[in-house]
Amino acid sequence: MIILSSSLPKSASTIFATYLEELVAIPGWRNGQNALKDRVGARYVDRIHLVLGLRLALISNIYGTVVLKSHCAPNRTVRWLINAKQLKALYIYRDPRDVVLSAMDHRKHRGGGESGFSKFTDLETGCDGVLGWAKVWREWKNWGRVEFFLYEDLITDPQSVLRRVSTCLGLGVNDTQISKIIMKHEKK
């Protein structure tokens, strides 16, 4: 299985994808994460085109489940993989107003530069940037073949969110196992 962790940027997408990787490893499923990194290069992709989709399906069927992180919309290839029961999509998002502020803060602390947040120089350009990202959220929402998760819930009650993830993916992970994952990644 391919698990696509898609998101509105600045919505804890990296920690969410990390949690997914660790949850999938618990039930003892065959894990294709190393094969994904060897053959694709990383778990993050901008978009899933047909050749990549076929490669991902092959990797997951030969080596085991893979977790992929992206901010992509449900294009034809993603829809085909979901309809073929090769991919399950999860989408994490947060209040877009907070995304603007977080992206501006990210740019400020990383010195501007050529990152995905370099255009977030002020509130007006930040809002324009988030409107583009919100269109991707709307595409997922309109299509409906995705499980949605709120950033705010992940931050305030990660146990419940990860329990829900485990249920929707059919992992059967218990609360003790979930707690260990959360504690492993708590900021000290």
Protein backbone atom coordinates (compact mmCIF):
# COMPACT_ATOMS: atom_id res chain seq x y z
CA MET A 1 0.00 0.00 0.00
CA ILE A 2 1.04 3.58 -0.67
CA ILE A 3 0.06 6.03 2.05
CA LEU A 4 -0.02 9.59 0.76
CA SER A 5 0.34 12.22 3.45
CA SER A 6 -0.79 15.34 1.64
CA SER A 7 -1.20 18.67 3.38
CA LEU A 8 -1.62 22.37 3.43
CA PRO A 9 1.98 23.56 3.93
CA LYS A 10 2.93 24.67 7.46
CA SER A 11 0.45 22.20 8.96
CA ALA A 12 2.89 19.86 10.75
CA SER A 13 3.12 17.78 7.58
CA THR A 14 6.63 16.53 8.33
CA ILE A 15 5.87 15.23 11.84
CA PHE A 16 2.56 13.81 10.57
CA ALA A 17 4.38 11.83 7.84
CA THR A 18 6.95 10.68 10.43
CA TYR A 19 4.16 9.49 12.72
CA LEU A 20 2.63 7.60 9.76
CA GLU A 21 5.93 5.87 8.98
CA GLU A 22 6.26 4.73 12.57
CA LEU A 23 2.63 3.63 12.89
CA VAL A 24 2.92 1.49 9.75
CA ALA A 25 6.06 -0.20 11.10
CA ILE A 26 4.34 -1.45 14.29
CA PRO A 27 1.98 -4.13 12.94
CA GLY A 28 4.88 -5.85 11.20
CA TRP A 29 3.76 -5.06 7.68
CA ARG A 30 6.40 -5.34 5.00
CA ASN A 31 8.02 -1.92 4.87
CA GLY A 32 9.12 -0.44 1.56
CA GLN A 33 10.39 2.86 2.96
CA ASN A 34 14.07 2.07 2.32
CA ALA A 35 13.27 0.95 -1.23
CA LEU A 36 11.33 4.19 -1.72
CA LYS A 37 14.35 6.25 -0.64
CA ASP A 38 16.70 4.17 -2.83
CA ARG A 39 14.54 4.31 -5.96
CA VAL A 40 12.75 7.66 -5.64
CA GLY A 41 15.27 9.58 -3.54
CA ALA A 42 13.08 10.78 -0.67
CA ARG A 43 9.63 10.48 0.76
CA TYR A 44 8.64 13.99 -0.43
CA VAL A 45 7.41 14.54 -3.97
CA ASP A 46 5.93 17.65 -5.58
CA ARG A 47 3.40 15.69 -7.59
CA ILE A 48 2.68 12.12 -8.59
CA HIS A 49 2.85 11.72 -12.38
CA LEU A 50 2.07 8.46 -14.17
CA VAL A 51 5.62 7.06 -14.26
CA LEU A 52 6.14 7.85 -10.57
CA GLY A 53 2.74 6.36 -9.74
CA LEU A 54 3.65 3.12 -11.50
CA ARG A 55 7.04 3.06 -9.78
CA LEU A 56 5.39 3.61 -6.37
CA ALA A 57 2.87 0.83 -6.98
CA LEU A 58 5.69 -1.51 -7.97
CA ILE A 59 7.78 -0.60 -4.91
CA SER A 60 4.87 -1.04 -2.52
CA ASN A 61 3.82 -4.38 -4.05
CA ILE A 62 7.35 -5.81 -4.05
CA TYR A 63 8.85 -4.33 -0.88
CA GLY A 64 5.88 -3.27 1.25
CA THR A 65 3.99 -0.23 2.45
CA VAL A 66 5.47 3.21 1.76
CA VAL A 67 4.61 6.61 3.21
CA LEU A 68 4.89 9.50 0.81
CA LYS A 69 4.68 13.19 1.76
CA SER A 70 3.39 15.80 -0.66
CA HIS A 71 1.32 18.96 -1.01
CA CYS A 72 -0.17 17.72 -4.28
CA ALA A 73 -3.75 17.68 -5.48
CA PRO A 74 -5.61 14.50 -6.42
CA ASN A 75 -4.54 14.41 -10.07
CA ARG A 76 -5.43 11.58 -12.48
CA THR A 77 -2.61 9.33 -11.31
CA VAL A 78 -3.47 9.77 -7.62
CA ARG A 79 -7.14 9.09 -8.33
CA TRP A 80 -6.26 6.00 -10.38
CA LEU A 81 -4.05 4.65 -7.56
CA ILE A 82 -6.80 5.26 -4.99
CA ASN A 83 -9.46 3.64 -7.19
CA ALA A 84 -7.12 0.67 -7.76
CA LYS A 85 -6.78 0.35 -3.95
CA GLN A 86 -3.03 0.94 -4.20
CA LEU A 87 -3.05 4.26 -2.32
CA LYS A 88 -4.76 5.71 0.74
CA ALA A 89 -4.71 9.48 1.12
CA LEU A 90 -4.60 11.46 4.35
CA TYR A 91 -4.66 15.26 4.39
CA ILE A 92 -3.63 17.48 7.30
CA TYR A 93 -4.48 21.17 7.31
CA ARG A 94 -4.84 24.14 9.63
CA ASP A 95 -6.50 27.52 9.75
CA PRO A 96 -5.15 29.35 6.66
CA ARG A 97 -4.60 32.53 8.70
CA ASP A 98 -2.14 30.62 10.85
CA VAL A 99 -0.48 29.19 7.73
CA VAL A 100 0.24 32.74 6.49
CA LEU A 101 1.78 33.75 9.82
CA SER A 102 3.77 30.53 10.13
CA ALA A 103 5.11 30.86 6.57
CA MET A 104 6.12 34.49 7.21
CA ASP A 105 7.86 33.41 10.40
CA HIS A 106 9.58 30.54 8.56
CA ARG A 107 10.86 32.97 5.91
CA LYS A 108 12.06 35.43 8.57
CA HIS A 109 14.01 32.81 10.53
CA ARG A 110 15.48 31.15 7.45
CA GLY A 111 16.71 34.44 6.00
CA GLY A 112 14.27 34.68 3.08
CA GLY A 113 16.18 32.99 0.29
CA GLU A 114 14.74 30.74 -2.37
CA SER A 115 12.47 28.51 -0.33
CA GLY A 116 8.80 27.82 -0.88
CA PHE A 117 8.14 30.63 1.57
CA SER A 118 10.27 33.38 -0.02
CA LYS A 119 7.15 35.12 -1.38
CA PHE A 120 5.71 35.50 2.12
CA THR A 121 7.11 38.99 2.67
CA ASP A 122 3.94 40.54 4.08
CA LEU A 123 0.34 39.70 4.88
CA GLU A 124 -1.00 40.53 1.41
CA THR A 125 1.44 38.33 -0.54
CA GLY A 126 1.11 35.68 2.16
CA CYS A 127 -2.65 35.54 1.70
CA ASP A 128 -2.20 35.24 -2.08
CA GLY A 129 0.18 32.31 -1.56
CA VAL A 130 -2.16 30.49 0.81
CA LEU A 131 -5.10 30.96 -1.56
CA GLY A 132 -3.21 28.89 -4.13
CA TRP A 133 -2.56 26.15 -1.57
CA ALA A 134 -6.20 26.27 -0.45
CA LYS A 135 -7.25 25.31 -3.98
CA VAL A 136 -5.49 21.98 -3.48
CA TRP A 137 -7.40 21.48 -0.20
CA ARG A 138 -10.63 22.27 -2.05
CA GLU A 139 -9.84 19.69 -4.76
CA TRP A 140 -9.36 16.99 -2.11
CA LYS A 141 -12.51 18.12 -0.28
CA ASN A 142 -14.61 18.08 -3.47
CA TRP A 143 -13.32 14.66 -4.52
CA GLY A 144 -13.86 13.19 -1.07
CA ARG A 145 -11.64 10.08 -1.23
CA VAL A 146 -9.36 11.25 1.59
CA GLU A 147 -9.27 11.32 5.38
CA PHE A 148 -8.87 14.85 6.76
CA PHE A 149 -7.01 15.72 9.95
CA LEU A 150 -6.68 19.09 11.68
CA TYR A 151 -3.29 20.46 12.71
CA GLU A 152 -4.86 21.88 15.86
CA ASP A 153 -6.10 18.41 16.86
CA LEU A 154 -2.67 16.88 16.22
CA ILE A 155 -1.07 19.49 18.48
CA THR A 156 -3.63 19.34 21.31
CA ASP A 157 -4.51 15.63 21.25
CA PRO A 158 -2.03 13.61 19.18
CA GLN A 159 -3.16 10.37 20.85
CA SER A 160 -6.69 10.68 19.42
CA VAL A 161 -5.46 11.72 15.99
CA LEU A 162 -3.03 8.80 15.72
CA ARG A 163 -5.69 6.40 17.02
CA ARG A 164 -7.96 7.63 14.22
CA VAL A 165 -5.12 7.22 11.68
CA SER A 166 -4.56 3.66 12.90
CA THR A 167 -8.26 2.89 12.52
CA CYS A 168 -8.63 4.38 9.04
CA LEU A 169 -5.52 2.51 7.81
CA GLY A 170 -6.55 -0.72 9.55
CA LEU A 171 -3.30 -0.91 11.54
CA GLY A 172 -4.63 -2.13 14.88
CA VAL A 173 -2.05 -0.10 16.84
CA ASN A 174 -2.85 0.22 20.55
CA ASP A 175 -2.68 3.31 22.80
CA THR A 176 0.58 2.23 24.46
CA GLN A 177 2.31 1.95 21.09
CA ILE A 178 0.90 5.32 20.03
CA SER A 179 2.11 6.94 23.27
CA LYS A 180 5.65 5.66 22.64
CA ILE A 181 5.68 7.24 19.19
CA ILE A 182 4.42 10.56 20.53
CA MET A 183 6.95 10.61 23.40
CA LYS A 184 9.79 9.80 21.00
CA HIS A 185 9.08 13.01 19.08
CA GLU A 186 8.11 15.38 21.90
CA LYS A 187 10.12 18.57 21.96
CA LYS A 188 12.12 18.77 25.15
